[in-house]
Amino acid sequence: MSERPEQHQSQSGGEPKPKLIVPPFLKPEAFTKEERRDRKERRIRVRRRKDVDEGKAKINPELAKELDIKDKVEIVVVGGGSRERKYVFTVIQDPSVPRNEIWCNEEEMRRLGVADNTMVTVRAYRGAAQI
């Protein structure tokens, strides 16, 4: 048996061409058959505020509409290494909140170990997460 790569004859009848093998992780998404879940999320800053009740989070109404957030929001805080913490809060839409921020209770954030001005991922709550 020969150890040459599998080859195909070209259409023009010239030299055989080596078969191109593309690993799955390099294939374009257009050619993959699996469907991806399109989940809207954004990376924004969480701010500690005294004027927000525990278990609640204030968010800009435009951002809430963009992310399809109705009544509950899921905040994902990424720590060092592979540590990822998810928290769920009840949403209060407030136009005074900047679009790139979400405001949460100061004491609650301190208890959860989330510093002021931390970058978090915010998305609409869809499943079971911890608080």
C-alpha atoms as a PDB file:
ATOM      1  CA  MET A   1       0.000   0.000   0.000  1.00  0.00           C
ATOM      2  CA  SER A   2       1.199   3.469  -0.751  1.00  0.00           C
ATOM      3  CA  GLU A   3       1.198   6.214   1.871  1.00  0.00           C
ATOM      4  CA  ARG A   4       0.243   9.011  -0.505  1.00  0.00           C
ATOM      5  CA  PRO A   5      -2.837  11.125   0.312  1.00  0.00           C
ATOM      6  CA  GLU A   6      -6.034  10.294  -1.517  1.00  0.00           C
ATOM      7  CA  GLN A   7      -6.057  12.067  -4.873  1.00  0.00           C
ATOM      8  CA  HIS A   8      -8.675  12.960  -7.461  1.00  0.00           C
ATOM      9  CA  GLN A   9      -8.282  13.577 -11.166  1.00  0.00           C
ATOM     10  CA  SER A  10      -8.857  17.210 -12.131  1.00  0.00           C
ATOM     11  CA  GLN A  11     -11.610  18.060 -14.628  1.00  0.00           C
ATOM     12  CA  SER A  12      -9.079  19.101 -17.248  1.00  0.00           C
ATOM     13  CA  GLY A  13      -7.448  15.670 -17.138  1.00  0.00           C
ATOM     14  CA  GLY A  14      -4.080  16.974 -15.913  1.00  0.00           C
ATOM     15  CA  GLU A  15      -2.322  15.999 -12.701  1.00  0.00           C
ATOM     16  CA  PRO A  16      -4.308  14.536  -9.831  1.00  0.00           C
ATOM     17  CA  LYS A  17      -5.162  17.048  -7.074  1.00  0.00           C
ATOM     18  CA  PRO A  18      -4.786  16.183  -3.382  1.00  0.00           C
ATOM     19  CA  LYS A  19      -8.079  16.008  -1.505  1.00  0.00           C
ATOM     20  CA  LEU A  20      -8.554  18.957   0.843  1.00  0.00           C
ATOM     21  CA  ILE A  21      -9.594  17.968   4.353  1.00  0.00           C
ATOM     22  CA  VAL A  22     -11.091  20.806   6.426  1.00  0.00           C
ATOM     23  CA  PRO A  23     -11.489  20.205  10.164  1.00  0.00           C
ATOM     24  CA  PRO A  24     -14.972  20.939  11.559  1.00  0.00           C
ATOM     25  CA  PHE A  25     -13.836  23.881  13.671  1.00  0.00           C
ATOM     26  CA  LEU A  26     -12.642  25.725  10.547  1.00  0.00           C
ATOM     27  CA  LYS A  27     -15.811  25.309   8.485  1.00  0.00           C
ATOM     28  CA  PRO A  28     -17.870  28.448   7.840  1.00  0.00           C
ATOM     29  CA  GLU A  29     -21.102  28.709   9.829  1.00  0.00           C
ATOM     30  CA  ALA A  30     -23.159  28.804   6.636  1.00  0.00           C
ATOM     31  CA  PHE A  31     -22.270  25.181   5.946  1.00  0.00           C
ATOM     32  CA  THR A  32     -22.942  23.768   9.421  1.00  0.00           C
ATOM     33  CA  LYS A  33     -26.230  21.966   9.818  1.00  0.00           C
ATOM     34  CA  GLU A  34     -26.701  22.536  13.531  1.00  0.00           C
ATOM     35  CA  GLU A  35     -28.916  25.472  14.376  1.00  0.00           C
ATOM     36  CA  ARG A  36     -27.611  28.040  16.798  1.00  0.00           C
ATOM     37  CA  ARG A  37     -29.794  29.588  19.459  1.00  0.00           C
ATOM     38  CA  ASP A  38     -29.834  33.301  18.897  1.00  0.00           C
ATOM     39  CA  ARG A  39     -29.814  34.727  22.400  1.00  0.00           C
ATOM     40  CA  LYS A  40     -29.544  38.474  22.806  1.00  0.00           C
ATOM     41  CA  GLU A  41     -27.042  39.607  25.398  1.00  0.00           C
ATOM     42  CA  ARG A  42     -24.721  42.551  26.041  1.00  0.00           C
ATOM     43  CA  ARG A  43     -21.602  43.235  28.090  1.00  0.00           C
ATOM     44  CA  ILE A  44     -22.246  46.256  30.312  1.00  0.00           C
ATOM     45  CA  ARG A  45     -21.141  47.639  33.682  1.00  0.00           C
ATOM     46  CA  VAL A  46     -22.955  46.907  36.938  1.00  0.00           C
ATOM     47  CA  ARG A  47     -23.117  49.807  39.382  1.00  0.00           C
ATOM     48  CA  ARG A  48     -23.820  49.626  43.120  1.00  0.00           C
ATOM     49  CA  ARG A  49     -26.601  52.011  44.169  1.00  0.00           C
ATOM     50  CA  LYS A  50     -28.249  52.619  47.550  1.00  0.00           C
ATOM     51  CA  ASP A  51     -31.554  53.727  45.958  1.00  0.00           C
ATOM     52  CA  VAL A  52     -32.252  50.260  44.439  1.00  0.00           C
ATOM     53  CA  ASP A  53     -34.121  47.642  46.522  1.00  0.00           C
ATOM     54  CA  GLU A  54     -32.621  44.185  47.123  1.00  0.00           C
ATOM     55  CA  GLY A  55     -33.513  41.645  44.443  1.00  0.00           C
ATOM     56  CA  LYS A  56     -34.200  44.424  41.922  1.00  0.00           C
ATOM     57  CA  ALA A  57     -32.120  45.898  39.109  1.00  0.00           C
ATOM     58  CA  LYS A  58     -32.645  49.179  37.271  1.00  0.00           C
ATOM     59  CA  ILE A  59     -32.023  49.121  33.528  1.00  0.00           C
ATOM     60  CA  ASN A  60     -32.503  51.557  30.671  1.00  0.00           C
ATOM     61  CA  PRO A  61     -35.833  50.942  28.815  1.00  0.00           C
ATOM     62  CA  GLU A  62     -34.129  51.084  25.391  1.00  0.00           C
ATOM     63  CA  LEU A  63     -31.620  48.410  26.428  1.00  0.00           C
ATOM     64  CA  ALA A  64     -34.414  46.287  27.924  1.00  0.00           C
ATOM     65  CA  LYS A  65     -36.320  46.468  24.636  1.00  0.00           C
ATOM     66  CA  GLU A  66     -33.188  45.620  22.619  1.00  0.00           C
ATOM     67  CA  LEU A  67     -32.508  42.521  24.758  1.00  0.00           C
ATOM     68  CA  ASP A  68     -36.207  41.513  25.060  1.00  0.00           C
ATOM     69  CA  ILE A  69     -36.104  41.876  28.854  1.00  0.00           C
ATOM     70  CA  LYS A  70     -39.607  41.952  30.305  1.00  0.00           C
ATOM     71  CA  ASP A  71     -39.688  41.222  34.055  1.00  0.00           C
ATOM     72  CA  LYS A  72     -36.493  39.381  35.046  1.00  0.00           C
ATOM     73  CA  VAL A  73     -32.854  39.836  34.048  1.00  0.00           C
ATOM     74  CA  GLU A  74     -29.935  37.413  34.328  1.00  0.00           C
ATOM     75  CA  ILE A  75     -26.532  38.881  35.170  1.00  0.00           C
ATOM     76  CA  VAL A  76     -23.444  36.734  34.551  1.00  0.00           C
ATOM     77  CA  VAL A  77     -20.251  37.710  36.394  1.00  0.00           C
ATOM     78  CA  VAL A  78     -17.078  36.052  35.163  1.00  0.00           C
ATOM     79  CA  GLY A  79     -14.424  35.556  37.836  1.00  0.00           C
ATOM     80  CA  GLY A  80     -10.875  34.326  37.642  1.00  0.00           C
ATOM     81  CA  GLY A  81     -10.326  31.080  35.759  1.00  0.00           C
ATOM     82  CA  SER A  82     -13.482  29.263  34.710  1.00  0.00           C
ATOM     83  CA  ARG A  83     -15.605  30.587  37.580  1.00  0.00           C
ATOM     84  CA  GLU A  84     -18.879  31.991  36.306  1.00  0.00           C
ATOM     85  CA  ARG A  85     -21.621  33.257  38.616  1.00  0.00           C
ATOM     86  CA  LYS A  86     -25.204  33.887  37.499  1.00  0.00           C
ATOM     87  CA  TYR A  87     -27.723  36.014  39.375  1.00  0.00           C
ATOM     88  CA  VAL A  88     -31.375  36.823  38.607  1.00  0.00           C
ATOM     89  CA  PHE A  89     -33.036  40.133  39.449  1.00  0.00           C
ATOM     90  CA  THR A  90     -36.466  41.688  38.954  1.00  0.00           C
ATOM     91  CA  VAL A  91     -36.284  44.517  36.408  1.00  0.00           C
ATOM     92  CA  ILE A  92     -37.205  48.143  37.018  1.00  0.00           C
ATOM     93  CA  GLN A  93     -37.019  50.149  33.795  1.00  0.00           C
ATOM     94  CA  ASP A  94     -35.671  53.643  34.463  1.00  0.00           C
ATOM     95  CA  PRO A  95     -34.738  56.151  31.723  1.00  0.00           C
ATOM     96  CA  SER A  96     -32.213  57.862  34.043  1.00  0.00           C
ATOM     97  CA  VAL A  97     -29.965  54.755  33.894  1.00  0.00           C
ATOM     98  CA  PRO A  98     -27.300  55.025  31.133  1.00  0.00           C
ATOM     99  CA  ARG A  99     -27.565  52.448  28.307  1.00  0.00           C
ATOM    100  CA  ASN A 100     -24.225  50.869  29.171  1.00  0.00           C
ATOM    101  CA  GLU A 101     -25.024  50.310  32.878  1.00  0.00           C
ATOM    102  CA  ILE A 102     -27.295  48.280  35.135  1.00  0.00           C
ATOM    103  CA  TRP A 103     -27.892  49.445  38.715  1.00  0.00           C
ATOM    104  CA  CYS A 104     -28.207  46.981  41.616  1.00  0.00           C
ATOM    105  CA  ASN A 105     -28.431  47.258  45.410  1.00  0.00           C
ATOM    106  CA  GLU A 106     -25.117  48.207  47.018  1.00  0.00           C
ATOM    107  CA  GLU A 107     -25.313  45.836  50.003  1.00  0.00           C
ATOM    108  CA  GLU A 108     -26.483  42.908  47.892  1.00  0.00           C
ATOM    109  CA  MET A 109     -23.627  43.363  45.397  1.00  0.00           C
ATOM    110  CA  ARG A 110     -21.137  43.553  48.273  1.00  0.00           C
ATOM    111  CA  ARG A 111     -22.579  40.337  49.768  1.00  0.00           C
ATOM    112  CA  LEU A 112     -22.362  38.583  46.366  1.00  0.00           C
ATOM    113  CA  GLY A 113     -18.763  39.747  45.905  1.00  0.00           C
ATOM    114  CA  VAL A 114     -19.393  41.938  42.866  1.00  0.00           C
ATOM    115  CA  ALA A 115     -17.346  45.149  42.764  1.00  0.00           C
ATOM    116  CA  ASP A 116     -18.704  48.464  41.535  1.00  0.00           C
ATOM    117  CA  ASN A 117     -18.149  49.086  37.802  1.00  0.00           C
ATOM    118  CA  THR A 118     -17.641  45.368  37.029  1.00  0.00           C
ATOM    119  CA  MET A 119     -18.218  44.214  33.440  1.00  0.00           C
ATOM    120  CA  VAL A 120     -21.058  41.670  33.323  1.00  0.00           C
ATOM    121  CA  THR A 121     -23.111  39.923  30.661  1.00  0.00           C
ATOM    122  CA  VAL A 122     -26.798  40.860  30.790  1.00  0.00           C
ATOM    123  CA  ARG A 123     -29.590  38.873  29.134  1.00  0.00           C
ATOM    124  CA  ALA A 124     -33.278  38.120  29.574  1.00  0.00           C
ATOM    125  CA  TYR A 125     -33.927  35.435  32.202  1.00  0.00           C
ATOM    126  CA  ARG A 126     -35.047  32.184  30.554  1.00  0.00           C
ATOM    127  CA  GLY A 127     -34.073  29.339  32.865  1.00  0.00           C
ATOM    128  CA  ALA A 128     -32.926  28.290  36.288  1.00  0.00           C
ATOM    129  CA  ALA A 129     -30.132  30.414  37.731  1.00  0.00           C
ATOM    130  CA  GLN A 130     -28.927  31.023  41.256  1.00  0.00           C
ATOM    131  CA  ILE A 131     -29.377  34.009  43.516  1.00  0.00           C
END
